Amino acid sequence: NIFSIYNMDWYRQAPGKQRELVATITN
């Protein structure tokens, strides 16, 4: 049930590392 989507992002998490933001695209 989707009315609006603002940003859509890709994150990644390598073993032993924190999750990081890789790329983002806004509406």
mmCIF file of all heavy atoms, coordinates in Angstrom:
data_MODEL
# 
_entry.id   MODEL 
# 
loop_
_atom_site.group_PDB 
_atom_site.id 
_atom_site.type_symbol 
_atom_site.label_atom_id 
_atom_site.label_alt_id 
_atom_site.label_comp_id 
_atom_site.label_asym_id 
_atom_site.label_entity_id 
_atom_site.label_seq_id 
_atom_site.pdbx_PDB_ins_code 
_atom_site.Cartn_x 
_atom_site.Cartn_y 
_atom_site.Cartn_z 
_atom_site.occupancy 
_atom_site.B_iso_or_equiv 
_atom_site.pdbx_formal_charge 
_atom_site.auth_seq_id 
_atom_site.auth_comp_id 
_atom_site.auth_asym_id 
_atom_site.auth_atom_id 
_atom_site.pdbx_PDB_model_num 
ATOM 1   N N   . ASN A 1 1  ? 0.853  -1.185  0.000  1.00 0.00 ? 1  ASN A N   1 
ATOM 2   C CA  . ASN A 1 1  ? 0.000  0.000   0.000  1.00 0.00 ? 1  ASN A CA  1 
ATOM 3   C C   . ASN A 1 1  ? 0.895  1.244   0.000  1.00 0.00 ? 1  ASN A C   1 
ATOM 4   O O   . ASN A 1 1  ? 1.217  1.789   1.045  1.00 0.00 ? 1  ASN A O   1 
ATOM 5   C CB  . ASN A 1 1  ? -0.900 -0.021  1.229  1.00 0.00 ? 1  ASN A CB  1 
ATOM 6   C CG  . ASN A 1 1  ? -2.100 0.884   1.060  1.00 0.00 ? 1  ASN A CG  1 
ATOM 7   O OD1 . ASN A 1 1  ? -2.427 1.290   -0.047 1.00 0.00 ? 1  ASN A OD1 1 
ATOM 8   N ND2 . ASN A 1 1  ? -2.758 1.208   2.157  1.00 0.00 ? 1  ASN A ND2 1 
ATOM 9   N N   . ILE A 1 2  ? 1.285  1.674   -1.196 1.00 0.00 ? 2  ILE A N   1 
ATOM 10  C CA  . ILE A 1 2  ? 2.254  2.753   -1.335 1.00 0.00 ? 2  ILE A CA  1 
ATOM 11  C C   . ILE A 1 2  ? 1.579  4.022   -1.843 1.00 0.00 ? 2  ILE A C   1 
ATOM 12  O O   . ILE A 1 2  ? 0.944  4.006   -2.897 1.00 0.00 ? 2  ILE A O   1 
ATOM 13  C CB  . ILE A 1 2  ? 3.384  2.333   -2.304 1.00 0.00 ? 2  ILE A CB  1 
ATOM 14  C CG1 . ILE A 1 2  ? 4.157  1.151   -1.719 1.00 0.00 ? 2  ILE A CG1 1 
ATOM 15  C CG2 . ILE A 1 2  ? 4.325  3.507   -2.567 1.00 0.00 ? 2  ILE A CG2 1 
ATOM 16  C CD1 . ILE A 1 2  ? 5.138  0.519   -2.682 1.00 0.00 ? 2  ILE A CD1 1 
ATOM 17  N N   . PHE A 1 3  ? 1.749  5.106   -1.084 1.00 0.00 ? 3  PHE A N   1 
ATOM 18  C CA  . PHE A 1 3  ? 1.236  6.407   -1.494 1.00 0.00 ? 3  PHE A CA  1 
ATOM 19  C C   . PHE A 1 3  ? 2.358  7.311   -1.992 1.00 0.00 ? 3  PHE A C   1 
ATOM 20  O O   . PHE A 1 3  ? 2.166  8.100   -2.905 1.00 0.00 ? 3  PHE A O   1 
ATOM 21  C CB  . PHE A 1 3  ? 0.501  7.085   -0.335 1.00 0.00 ? 3  PHE A CB  1 
ATOM 22  C CG  . PHE A 1 3  ? -0.707 6.338   0.136  1.00 0.00 ? 3  PHE A CG  1 
ATOM 23  C CD1 . PHE A 1 3  ? -0.671 5.606   1.310  1.00 0.00 ? 3  PHE A CD1 1 
ATOM 24  C CD2 . PHE A 1 3  ? -1.881 6.345   -0.595 1.00 0.00 ? 3  PHE A CD2 1 
ATOM 25  C CE1 . PHE A 1 3  ? -1.783 4.901   1.746  1.00 0.00 ? 3  PHE A CE1 1 
ATOM 26  C CE2 . PHE A 1 3  ? -3.002 5.653   -0.171 1.00 0.00 ? 3  PHE A CE2 1 
ATOM 27  C CZ  . PHE A 1 3  ? -2.951 4.921   1.000  1.00 0.00 ? 3  PHE A CZ  1 
ATOM 28  N N   . SER A 1 4  ? 3.511  7.194   -1.341 1.00 0.00 ? 4  SER A N   1 
ATOM 29  C CA  . SER A 1 4  ? 4.627  8.044   -1.746 1.00 0.00 ? 4  SER A CA  1 
ATOM 30  C C   . SER A 1 4  ? 5.939  7.371   -1.378 1.00 0.00 ? 4  SER A C   1 
ATOM 31  O O   . SER A 1 4  ? 6.029  6.664   -0.378 1.00 0.00 ? 4  SER A O   1 
ATOM 32  C CB  . SER A 1 4  ? 4.548  9.408   -1.059 1.00 0.00 ? 4  SER A CB  1 
ATOM 33  O OG  . SER A 1 4  ? 4.720  9.279   0.337  1.00 0.00 ? 4  SER A OG  1 
ATOM 34  N N   . ILE A 1 5  ? 6.926  7.578   -2.246 1.00 0.00 ? 5  ILE A N   1 
ATOM 35  C CA  . ILE A 1 5  ? 8.287  7.119   -1.972 1.00 0.00 ? 5  ILE A CA  1 
ATOM 36  C C   . ILE A 1 5  ? 9.200  8.313   -2.154 1.00 0.00 ? 5  ILE A C   1 
ATOM 37  O O   . ILE A 1 5  ? 9.193  8.939   -3.219 1.00 0.00 ? 5  ILE A O   1 
ATOM 38  C CB  . ILE A 1 5  ? 8.720  5.988   -2.919 1.00 0.00 ? 5  ILE A CB  1 
ATOM 39  C CG1 . ILE A 1 5  ? 7.774  4.801   -2.828 1.00 0.00 ? 5  ILE A CG1 1 
ATOM 40  C CG2 . ILE A 1 5  ? 10.153 5.555   -2.588 1.00 0.00 ? 5  ILE A CG2 1 
ATOM 41  C CD1 . ILE A 1 5  ? 8.128  3.663   -3.774 1.00 0.00 ? 5  ILE A CD1 1 
ATOM 42  N N   . TYR A 1 6  ? 9.954  8.626   -1.119 1.00 0.00 ? 6  TYR A N   1 
ATOM 43  C CA  . TYR A 1 6  ? 10.909 9.718   -1.266 1.00 0.00 ? 6  TYR A CA  1 
ATOM 44  C C   . TYR A 1 6  ? 12.220 9.143   -1.781 1.00 0.00 ? 6  TYR A C   1 
ATOM 45  O O   . TYR A 1 6  ? 12.361 8.827   -2.945 1.00 0.00 ? 6  TYR A O   1 
ATOM 46  C CB  . TYR A 1 6  ? 11.082 10.493  0.037  1.00 0.00 ? 6  TYR A CB  1 
ATOM 47  C CG  . TYR A 1 6  ? 12.027 11.671  -0.111 1.00 0.00 ? 6  TYR A CG  1 
ATOM 48  C CD1 . TYR A 1 6  ? 11.797 12.644  -1.068 1.00 0.00 ? 6  TYR A CD1 1 
ATOM 49  C CD2 . TYR A 1 6  ? 13.163 11.776  0.679  1.00 0.00 ? 6  TYR A CD2 1 
ATOM 50  C CE1 . TYR A 1 6  ? 12.674 13.706  -1.245 1.00 0.00 ? 6  TYR A CE1 1 
ATOM 51  C CE2 . TYR A 1 6  ? 14.038 12.826  0.506  1.00 0.00 ? 6  TYR A CE2 1 
ATOM 52  C CZ  . TYR A 1 6  ? 13.791 13.795  -0.453 1.00 0.00 ? 6  TYR A CZ  1 
ATOM 53  O OH  . TYR A 1 6  ? 14.669 14.834  -0.616 1.00 0.00 ? 6  TYR A OH  1 
ATOM 54  N N   . ASN A 1 7  ? 13.185 8.940   -0.931 1.00 0.00 ? 7  ASN A N   1 
ATOM 55  C CA  . ASN A 1 7  ? 14.467 8.417   -1.386 1.00 0.00 ? 7  ASN A CA  1 
ATOM 56  C C   . ASN A 1 7  ? 14.430 6.902   -1.485 1.00 0.00 ? 7  ASN A C   1 
ATOM 57  O O   . ASN A 1 7  ? 13.682 6.234   -0.780 1.00 0.00 ? 7  ASN A O   1 
ATOM 58  C CB  . ASN A 1 7  ? 15.583 8.813   -0.438 1.00 0.00 ? 7  ASN A CB  1 
ATOM 59  C CG  . ASN A 1 7  ? 15.336 8.277   0.956  1.00 0.00 ? 7  ASN A CG  1 
ATOM 60  O OD1 . ASN A 1 7  ? 14.366 8.651   1.599  1.00 0.00 ? 7  ASN A OD1 1 
ATOM 61  N ND2 . ASN A 1 7  ? 16.170 7.362   1.410  1.00 0.00 ? 7  ASN A ND2 1 
ATOM 62  N N   . MET A 1 8  ? 15.250 6.374   -2.363 1.00 0.00 ? 8  MET A N   1 
ATOM 63  C CA  . MET A 1 8  ? 15.536 4.936   -2.416 1.00 0.00 ? 8  MET A CA  1 
ATOM 64  C C   . MET A 1 8  ? 17.046 4.799   -2.420 1.00 0.00 ? 8  MET A C   1 
ATOM 65  O O   . MET A 1 8  ? 17.734 5.458   -3.212 1.00 0.00 ? 8  MET A O   1 
ATOM 66  C CB  . MET A 1 8  ? 14.903 4.285   -3.647 1.00 0.00 ? 8  MET A CB  1 
ATOM 67  C CG  . MET A 1 8  ? 13.383 4.380   -3.674 1.00 0.00 ? 8  MET A CG  1 
ATOM 68  S SD  . MET A 1 8  ? 12.602 3.406   -4.982 1.00 0.00 ? 8  MET A SD  1 
ATOM 69  C CE  . MET A 1 8  ? 12.523 1.785   -4.191 1.00 0.00 ? 8  MET A CE  1 
ATOM 70  N N   . ASP A 1 9  ? 17.563 3.990   -1.535 1.00 0.00 ? 9  ASP A N   1 
ATOM 71  C CA  . ASP A 1 9  ? 18.998 3.917   -1.293 1.00 0.00 ? 9  ASP A CA  1 
ATOM 72  C C   . ASP A 1 9  ? 19.502 2.483   -1.385 1.00 0.00 ? 9  ASP A C   1 
ATOM 73  O O   . ASP A 1 9  ? 18.749 1.523   -1.179 1.00 0.00 ? 9  ASP A O   1 
ATOM 74  C CB  . ASP A 1 9  ? 19.340 4.420   0.116  1.00 0.00 ? 9  ASP A CB  1 
ATOM 75  C CG  . ASP A 1 9  ? 18.744 5.763   0.436  1.00 0.00 ? 9  ASP A CG  1 
ATOM 76  O OD1 . ASP A 1 9  ? 18.647 6.611   -0.463 1.00 0.00 ? 9  ASP A OD1 1 
ATOM 77  O OD2 . ASP A 1 9  ? 18.379 5.959   1.617  1.00 0.00 ? 9  ASP A OD2 1 
ATOM 78  N N   . TRP A 1 10 ? 20.794 2.366   -1.641 1.00 0.00 ? 10 TRP A N   1 
ATOM 79  C CA  . TRP A 1 10 ? 21.505 1.099   -1.510 1.00 0.00 ? 10 TRP A CA  1 
ATOM 80  C C   . TRP A 1 10 ? 22.579 1.257   -0.422 1.00 0.00 ? 10 TRP A C   1 
ATOM 81  O O   . TRP A 1 10 ? 23.373 2.206   -0.472 1.00 0.00 ? 10 TRP A O   1 
ATOM 82  C CB  . TRP A 1 10 ? 22.159 0.688   -2.812 1.00 0.00 ? 10 TRP A CB  1 
ATOM 83  C CG  . TRP A 1 10 ? 21.178 0.191   -3.824 1.00 0.00 ? 10 TRP A CG  1 
ATOM 84  C CD1 . TRP A 1 10 ? 20.656 0.891   -4.867 1.00 0.00 ? 10 TRP A CD1 1 
ATOM 85  C CD2 . TRP A 1 10 ? 20.600 -1.117  -3.881 1.00 0.00 ? 10 TRP A CD2 1 
ATOM 86  N NE1 . TRP A 1 10 ? 19.775 0.104   -5.573 1.00 0.00 ? 10 TRP A NE1 1 
ATOM 87  C CE2 . TRP A 1 10 ? 19.730 -1.141  -4.995 1.00 0.00 ? 10 TRP A CE2 1 
ATOM 88  C CE3 . TRP A 1 10 ? 20.729 -2.269  -3.114 1.00 0.00 ? 10 TRP A CE3 1 
ATOM 89  C CZ2 . TRP A 1 10 ? 19.001 -2.271  -5.353 1.00 0.00 ? 10 TRP A CZ2 1 
ATOM 90  C CZ3 . TRP A 1 10 ? 20.000 -3.386  -3.464 1.00 0.00 ? 10 TRP A CZ3 1 
ATOM 91  C CH2 . TRP A 1 10 ? 19.147 -3.390  -4.571 1.00 0.00 ? 10 TRP A CH2 1 
ATOM 92  N N   . TYR A 1 11 ? 22.567 0.331   0.518  1.00 0.00 ? 11 TYR A N   1 
ATOM 93  C CA  . TYR A 1 11 ? 23.593 0.228   1.548  1.00 0.00 ? 11 TYR A CA  1 
ATOM 94  C C   . TYR A 1 11 ? 24.327 -1.101  1.330  1.00 0.00 ? 11 TYR A C   1 
ATOM 95  O O   . TYR A 1 11 ? 23.842 -1.989  0.647  1.00 0.00 ? 11 TYR A O   1 
ATOM 96  C CB  . TYR A 1 11 ? 22.965 0.206   2.949  1.00 0.00 ? 11 TYR A CB  1 
ATOM 97  C CG  . TYR A 1 11 ? 22.458 1.522   3.455  1.00 0.00 ? 11 TYR A CG  1 
ATOM 98  C CD1 . TYR A 1 11 ? 21.259 2.066   2.981  1.00 0.00 ? 11 TYR A CD1 1 
ATOM 99  C CD2 . TYR A 1 11 ? 23.146 2.224   4.437  1.00 0.00 ? 11 TYR A CD2 1 
ATOM 100 C CE1 . TYR A 1 11 ? 20.782 3.273   3.467  1.00 0.00 ? 11 TYR A CE1 1 
ATOM 101 C CE2 . TYR A 1 11 ? 22.682 3.427   4.931  1.00 0.00 ? 11 TYR A CE2 1 
ATOM 102 C CZ  . TYR A 1 11 ? 21.497 3.939   4.446  1.00 0.00 ? 11 TYR A CZ  1 
ATOM 103 O OH  . TYR A 1 11 ? 21.024 5.139   4.937  1.00 0.00 ? 11 TYR A OH  1 
ATOM 104 N N   . ARG A 1 12 ? 25.462 -1.225  1.978  1.00 0.00 ? 12 ARG A N   1 
ATOM 105 C CA  . ARG A 1 12 ? 26.157 -2.512  1.991  1.00 0.00 ? 12 ARG A CA  1 
ATOM 106 C C   . ARG A 1 12 ? 26.850 -2.709  3.331  1.00 0.00 ? 12 ARG A C   1 
ATOM 107 O O   . ARG A 1 12 ? 27.212 -1.749  4.004  1.00 0.00 ? 12 ARG A O   1 
ATOM 108 C CB  . ARG A 1 12 ? 27.163 -2.627  0.846  1.00 0.00 ? 12 ARG A CB  1 
ATOM 109 C CG  . ARG A 1 12 ? 28.358 -1.692  0.936  1.00 0.00 ? 12 ARG A CG  1 
ATOM 110 C CD  . ARG A 1 12 ? 29.214 -1.825  -0.314 1.00 0.00 ? 12 ARG A CD  1 
ATOM 111 N NE  . ARG A 1 12 ? 30.360 -0.904  -0.277 1.00 0.00 ? 12 ARG A NE  1 
ATOM 112 C CZ  . ARG A 1 12 ? 31.180 -0.714  -1.295 1.00 0.00 ? 12 ARG A CZ  1 
ATOM 113 N NH1 . ARG A 1 12 ? 31.007 -1.381  -2.441 1.00 0.00 ? 12 ARG A NH1 1 
ATOM 114 N NH2 . ARG A 1 12 ? 32.190 0.128   -1.174 1.00 0.00 ? 12 ARG A NH2 1 
ATOM 115 N N   . GLN A 1 13 ? 27.009 -3.977  3.660  1.00 0.00 ? 13 GLN A N   1 
ATOM 116 C CA  . GLN A 1 13 ? 27.709 -4.327  4.897  1.00 0.00 ? 13 GLN A CA  1 
ATOM 117 C C   . GLN A 1 13 ? 28.638 -5.490  4.631  1.00 0.00 ? 13 GLN A C   1 
ATOM 118 O O   . GLN A 1 13 ? 28.186 -6.597  4.289  1.00 0.00 ? 13 GLN A O   1 
ATOM 119 C CB  . GLN A 1 13 ? 26.716 -4.678  6.011  1.00 0.00 ? 13 GLN A CB  1 
ATOM 120 C CG  . GLN A 1 13 ? 27.372 -4.856  7.359  1.00 0.00 ? 13 GLN A CG  1 
ATOM 121 C CD  . GLN A 1 13 ? 26.379 -4.833  8.493  1.00 0.00 ? 13 GLN A CD  1 
ATOM 122 O OE1 . GLN A 1 13 ? 25.190 -5.023  8.302  1.00 0.00 ? 13 GLN A OE1 1 
ATOM 123 N NE2 . GLN A 1 13 ? 26.881 -4.583  9.695  1.00 0.00 ? 13 GLN A NE2 1 
ATOM 124 N N   . ALA A 1 14 ? 29.920 -5.229  4.781  1.00 0.00 ? 14 ALA A N   1 
ATOM 125 C CA  . ALA A 1 14 ? 30.936 -6.261  4.618  1.00 0.00 ? 14 ALA A CA  1 
ATOM 126 C C   . ALA A 1 14 ? 31.173 -6.923  5.972  1.00 0.00 ? 14 ALA A C   1 
ATOM 127 O O   . ALA A 1 14 ? 30.909 -6.325  7.017  1.00 0.00 ? 14 ALA A O   1 
ATOM 128 C CB  . ALA A 1 14 ? 32.217 -5.646  4.080  1.00 0.00 ? 14 ALA A CB  1 
ATOM 129 N N   . PRO A 1 15 ? 31.705 -8.145  5.971  1.00 0.00 ? 15 PRO A N   1 
ATOM 130 C CA  . PRO A 1 15 ? 31.960 -8.847  7.240  1.00 0.00 ? 15 PRO A CA  1 
ATOM 131 C C   . PRO A 1 15 ? 32.844 -8.025  8.165  1.00 0.00 ? 15 PRO A C   1 
ATOM 132 O O   . PRO A 1 15 ? 33.891 -7.513  7.745  1.00 0.00 ? 15 PRO A O   1 
ATOM 133 C CB  . PRO A 1 15 ? 32.661 -10.129 6.790  1.00 0.00 ? 15 PRO A CB  1 
ATOM 134 C CG  . PRO A 1 15 ? 32.193 -10.350 5.403  1.00 0.00 ? 15 PRO A CG  1 
ATOM 135 C CD  . PRO A 1 15 ? 32.028 -8.984  4.808  1.00 0.00 ? 15 PRO A CD  1 
ATOM 136 N N   . GLY A 1 16 ? 32.407 -7.857  9.399  1.00 0.00 ? 16 GLY A N   1 
ATOM 137 C CA  . GLY A 1 16 ? 33.192 -7.144  10.383 1.00 0.00 ? 16 GLY A CA  1 
ATOM 138 C C   . GLY A 1 16 ? 33.177 -5.631  10.241 1.00 0.00 ? 16 GLY A C   1 
ATOM 139 O O   . GLY A 1 16 ? 33.900 -4.927  10.960 1.00 0.00 ? 16 GLY A O   1 
ATOM 140 N N   . LYS A 1 17 ? 32.360 -5.107  9.318  1.00 0.00 ? 17 LYS A N   1 
ATOM 141 C CA  . LYS A 1 17 ? 32.309 -3.662  9.096  1.00 0.00 ? 17 LYS A CA  1 
ATOM 142 C C   . LYS A 1 17 ? 30.895 -3.140  9.316  1.00 0.00 ? 17 LYS A C   1 
ATOM 143 O O   . LYS A 1 17 ? 29.926 -3.886  9.299  1.00 0.00 ? 17 LYS A O   1 
ATOM 144 C CB  . LYS A 1 17 ? 32.784 -3.318  7.688  1.00 0.00 ? 17 LYS A CB  1 
ATOM 145 C CG  . LYS A 1 17 ? 34.249 -3.626  7.443  1.00 0.00 ? 17 LYS A CG  1 
ATOM 146 C CD  . LYS A 1 17 ? 34.719 -3.048  6.118  1.00 0.00 ? 17 LYS A CD  1 
ATOM 147 C CE  . LYS A 1 17 ? 36.196 -3.271  5.917  1.00 0.00 ? 17 LYS A CE  1 
ATOM 148 N NZ  . LYS A 1 17 ? 36.673 -2.693  4.639  1.00 0.00 ? 17 LYS A NZ  1 
ATOM 149 N N   . GLN A 1 18 ? 30.825 -1.825  9.513  1.00 0.00 ? 18 GLN A N   1 
ATOM 150 C CA  . GLN A 1 18 ? 29.517 -1.201  9.668  1.00 0.00 ? 18 GLN A CA  1 
ATOM 151 C C   . GLN A 1 18 ? 28.816 -1.076  8.321  1.00 0.00 ? 18 GLN A C   1 
ATOM 152 O O   . GLN A 1 18 ? 29.458 -1.015  7.268  1.00 0.00 ? 18 GLN A O   1 
ATOM 153 C CB  . GLN A 1 18 ? 29.682 0.190   10.297 1.00 0.00 ? 18 GLN A CB  1 
ATOM 154 C CG  . GLN A 1 18 ? 30.055 0.159   11.764 1.00 0.00 ? 18 GLN A CG  1 
ATOM 155 C CD  . GLN A 1 18 ? 29.984 1.533   12.406 1.00 0.00 ? 18 GLN A CD  1 
ATOM 156 O OE1 . GLN A 1 18 ? 30.177 2.550   11.742 1.00 0.00 ? 18 GLN A OE1 1 
ATOM 157 N NE2 . GLN A 1 18 ? 29.690 1.576   13.694 1.00 0.00 ? 18 GLN A NE2 1 
ATOM 158 N N   . ARG A 1 19 ? 27.512 -1.020  8.385  1.00 0.00 ? 19 ARG A N   1 
ATOM 159 C CA  . ARG A 1 19 ? 26.732 -0.810  7.177  1.00 0.00 ? 19 ARG A CA  1 
ATOM 160 C C   . ARG A 1 19 ? 26.991 0.604   6.656  1.00 0.00 ? 19 ARG A C   1 
ATOM 161 O O   . ARG A 1 19 ? 27.004 1.557   7.439  1.00 0.00 ? 19 ARG A O   1 
ATOM 162 C CB  . ARG A 1 19 ? 25.236 -1.006  7.453  1.00 0.00 ? 19 ARG A CB  1 
ATOM 163 C CG  . ARG A 1 19 ? 24.370 -1.087  6.227  1.00 0.00 ? 19 ARG A CG  1 
ATOM 164 C CD  . ARG A 1 19 ? 22.944 -1.471  6.584  1.00 0.00 ? 19 ARG A CD  1 
ATOM 165 N NE  . ARG A 1 19 ? 22.871 -2.804  7.170  1.00 0.00 ? 19 ARG A NE  1 
ATOM 166 C CZ  . ARG A 1 19 ? 21.718 -3.452  7.403  1.00 0.00 ? 19 ARG A CZ  1 
ATOM 167 N NH1 . ARG A 1 19 ? 20.567 -2.870  7.089  1.00 0.00 ? 19 ARG A NH1 1 
ATOM 168 N NH2 . ARG A 1 19 ? 21.735 -4.644  7.955  1.00 0.00 ? 19 ARG A NH2 1 
ATOM 169 N N   . GLU A 1 20 ? 27.229 0.735   5.354  1.00 0.00 ? 20 GLU A N   1 
ATOM 170 C CA  . GLU A 1 20 ? 27.512 2.053   4.786  1.00 0.00 ? 20 GLU A CA  1 
ATOM 171 C C   . GLU A 1 20 ? 26.554 2.364   3.635  1.00 0.00 ? 20 GLU A C   1 
ATOM 172 O O   . GLU A 1 20 ? 26.130 1.461   2.896  1.00 0.00 ? 20 GLU A O   1 
ATOM 173 C CB  . GLU A 1 20 ? 28.958 2.160   4.293  1.00 0.00 ? 20 GLU A CB  1 
ATOM 174 C CG  . GLU A 1 20 ? 29.289 1.296   3.092  1.00 0.00 ? 20 GLU A CG  1 
ATOM 175 C CD  . GLU A 1 20 ? 30.647 1.643   2.465  1.00 0.00 ? 20 GLU A CD  1 
ATOM 176 O OE1 . GLU A 1 20 ? 31.236 2.696   2.798  1.00 0.00 ? 20 GLU A OE1 1 
ATOM 177 O OE2 . GLU A 1 20 ? 31.101 0.848   1.606  1.00 0.00 ? 20 GLU A OE2 1 
ATOM 178 N N   . LEU A 1 21 ? 26.253 3.634   3.486  1.00 0.00 ? 21 LEU A N   1 
ATOM 179 C CA  . LEU A 1 21 ? 25.423 4.087   2.383  1.00 0.00 ? 21 LEU A CA  1 
ATOM 180 C C   . LEU A 1 21 ? 26.260 4.127   1.115  1.00 0.00 ? 21 LEU A C   1 
ATOM 181 O O   . LEU A 1 21 ? 27.303 4.784   1.072  1.00 0.00 ? 21 LEU A O   1 
ATOM 182 C CB  . LEU A 1 21 ? 24.862 5.472   2.691  1.00 0.00 ? 21 LEU A CB  1 
ATOM 183 C CG  . LEU A 1 21 ? 24.020 6.142   1.602  1.00 0.00 ? 21 LEU A CG  1 
ATOM 184 C CD1 . LEU A 1 21 ? 22.793 5.314   1.260  1.00 0.00 ? 21 LEU A CD1 1 
ATOM 185 C CD2 . LEU A 1 21 ? 23.616 7.554   2.037  1.00 0.00 ? 21 LEU A CD2 1 
ATOM 186 N N   . VAL A 1 22 ? 25.803 3.441   0.094  1.00 0.00 ? 22 VAL A N   1 
ATOM 187 C CA  . VAL A 1 22 ? 26.537 3.346   -1.166 1.00 0.00 ? 22 VAL A CA  1 
ATOM 188 C C   . VAL A 1 22 ? 26.027 4.365   -2.180 1.00 0.00 ? 22 VAL A C   1 
ATOM 189 O O   . VAL A 1 22 ? 26.810 5.070   -2.813 1.00 0.00 ? 22 VAL A O   1 
ATOM 190 C CB  . VAL A 1 22 ? 26.411 1.934   -1.766 1.00 0.00 ? 22 VAL A CB  1 
ATOM 191 C CG1 . VAL A 1 22 ? 27.080 1.852   -3.128 1.00 0.00 ? 22 VAL A CG1 1 
ATOM 192 C CG2 . VAL A 1 22 ? 26.996 0.901   -0.814 1.00 0.00 ? 22 VAL A CG2 1 
ATOM 193 N N   . ALA A 1 23 ? 24.720 4.424   -2.326 1.00 0.00 ? 23 ALA A N   1 
ATOM 194 C CA  . ALA A 1 23 ? 24.143 5.321   -3.330 1.00 0.00 ? 23 ALA A CA  1 
ATOM 195 C C   . ALA A 1 23 ? 22.712 5.652   -2.936 1.00 0.00 ? 23 ALA A C   1 
ATOM 196 O O   . ALA A 1 23 ? 22.032 4.841   -2.302 1.00 0.00 ? 23 ALA A O   1 
ATOM 197 C CB  . ALA A 1 23 ? 24.164 4.684   -4.718 1.00 0.00 ? 23 ALA A CB  1 
ATOM 198 N N   . THR A 1 24 ? 22.277 6.839   -3.333 1.00 0.00 ? 24 THR A N   1 
ATOM 199 C CA  . THR A 1 24 ? 20.918 7.258   -3.037 1.00 0.00 ? 24 THR A CA  1 
ATOM 200 C C   . THR A 1 24 ? 20.326 7.996   -4.233 1.00 0.00 ? 24 THR A C   1 
ATOM 201 O O   . THR A 1 24 ? 21.059 8.637   -4.994 1.00 0.00 ? 24 THR A O   1 
ATOM 202 C CB  . THR A 1 24 ? 20.882 8.154   -1.786 1.00 0.00 ? 24 THR A CB  1 
ATOM 203 O OG1 . THR A 1 24 ? 19.532 8.432   -1.431 1.00 0.00 ? 24 THR A OG1 1 
ATOM 204 C CG2 . THR A 1 24 ? 21.605 9.460   -2.032 1.00 0.00 ? 24 THR A CG2 1 
ATOM 205 N N   . ILE A 1 25 ? 19.014 7.874   -4.397 1.00 0.00 ? 25 ILE A N   1 
ATOM 206 C CA  . ILE A 1 25 ? 18.302 8.615   -5.435 1.00 0.00 ? 25 ILE A CA  1 
ATOM 207 C C   . ILE A 1 25 ? 16.993 9.123   -4.838 1.00 0.00 ? 25 ILE A C   1 
ATOM 208 O O   . ILE A 1 25 ? 16.256 8.367   -4.204 1.00 0.00 ? 25 ILE A O   1 
ATOM 209 C CB  . ILE A 1 25 ? 18.068 7.752   -6.690 1.00 0.00 ? 25 ILE A CB  1 
ATOM 210 C CG1 . ILE A 1 25 ? 17.421 8.583   -7.803 1.00 0.00 ? 25 ILE A CG1 1 
ATOM 211 C CG2 . ILE A 1 25 ? 17.277 6.499   -6.391 1.00 0.00 ? 25 ILE A CG2 1 
ATOM 212 C CD1 . ILE A 1 25 ? 17.479 7.906   -9.175 1.00 0.00 ? 25 ILE A CD1 1 
ATOM 213 N N   . THR A 1 26 ? 16.749 10.415  -4.993 1.00 0.00 ? 26 THR A N   1 
ATOM 214 C CA  . THR A 1 26 ? 15.547 11.009  -4.425 1.00 0.00 ? 26 THR A CA  1 
ATOM 215 C C   . THR A 1 26 ? 14.369 10.883  -5.390 1.00 0.00 ? 26 THR A C   1 
ATOM 216 O O   . THR A 1 26 ? 14.510 10.396  -6.516 1.00 0.00 ? 26 THR A O   1 
ATOM 217 C CB  . THR A 1 26 ? 15.766 12.492  -4.112 1.00 0.00 ? 26 THR A CB  1 
ATOM 218 O OG1 . THR A 1 26 ? 15.824 13.210  -5.355 1.00 0.00 ? 26 THR A OG1 1 
ATOM 219 C CG2 . THR A 1 26 ? 17.036 12.720  -3.317 1.00 0.00 ? 26 THR A CG2 1 
ATOM 220 N N   . ASN A 1 27 ? 13.206 11.338  -4.943 1.00 0.00 ? 27 ASN A N   1 
ATOM 221 C CA  . ASN A 1 27 ? 12.015 11.291  -5.795 1.00 0.00 ? 27 ASN A CA  1 
ATOM 222 C C   . ASN A 1 27 ? 12.142 12.238  -6.985 1.00 0.00 ? 27 ASN A C   1 
ATOM 223 O O   . ASN A 1 27 ? 11.411 12.103  -7.963 1.00 0.00 ? 27 ASN A O   1 
ATOM 224 C CB  . ASN A 1 27 ? 10.760 11.614  -4.986 1.00 0.00 ? 27 ASN A CB  1 
ATOM 225 C CG  . ASN A 1 27 ? 10.819 12.992  -4.356 1.00 0.00 ? 27 ASN A CG  1 
ATOM 226 O OD1 . ASN A 1 27 ? 11.899 13.497  -4.058 1.00 0.00 ? 27 ASN A OD1 1 
ATOM 227 N ND2 . ASN A 1 27 ? 9.687  13.614  -4.135 1.00 0.00 ? 27 ASN A ND2 1 
# 
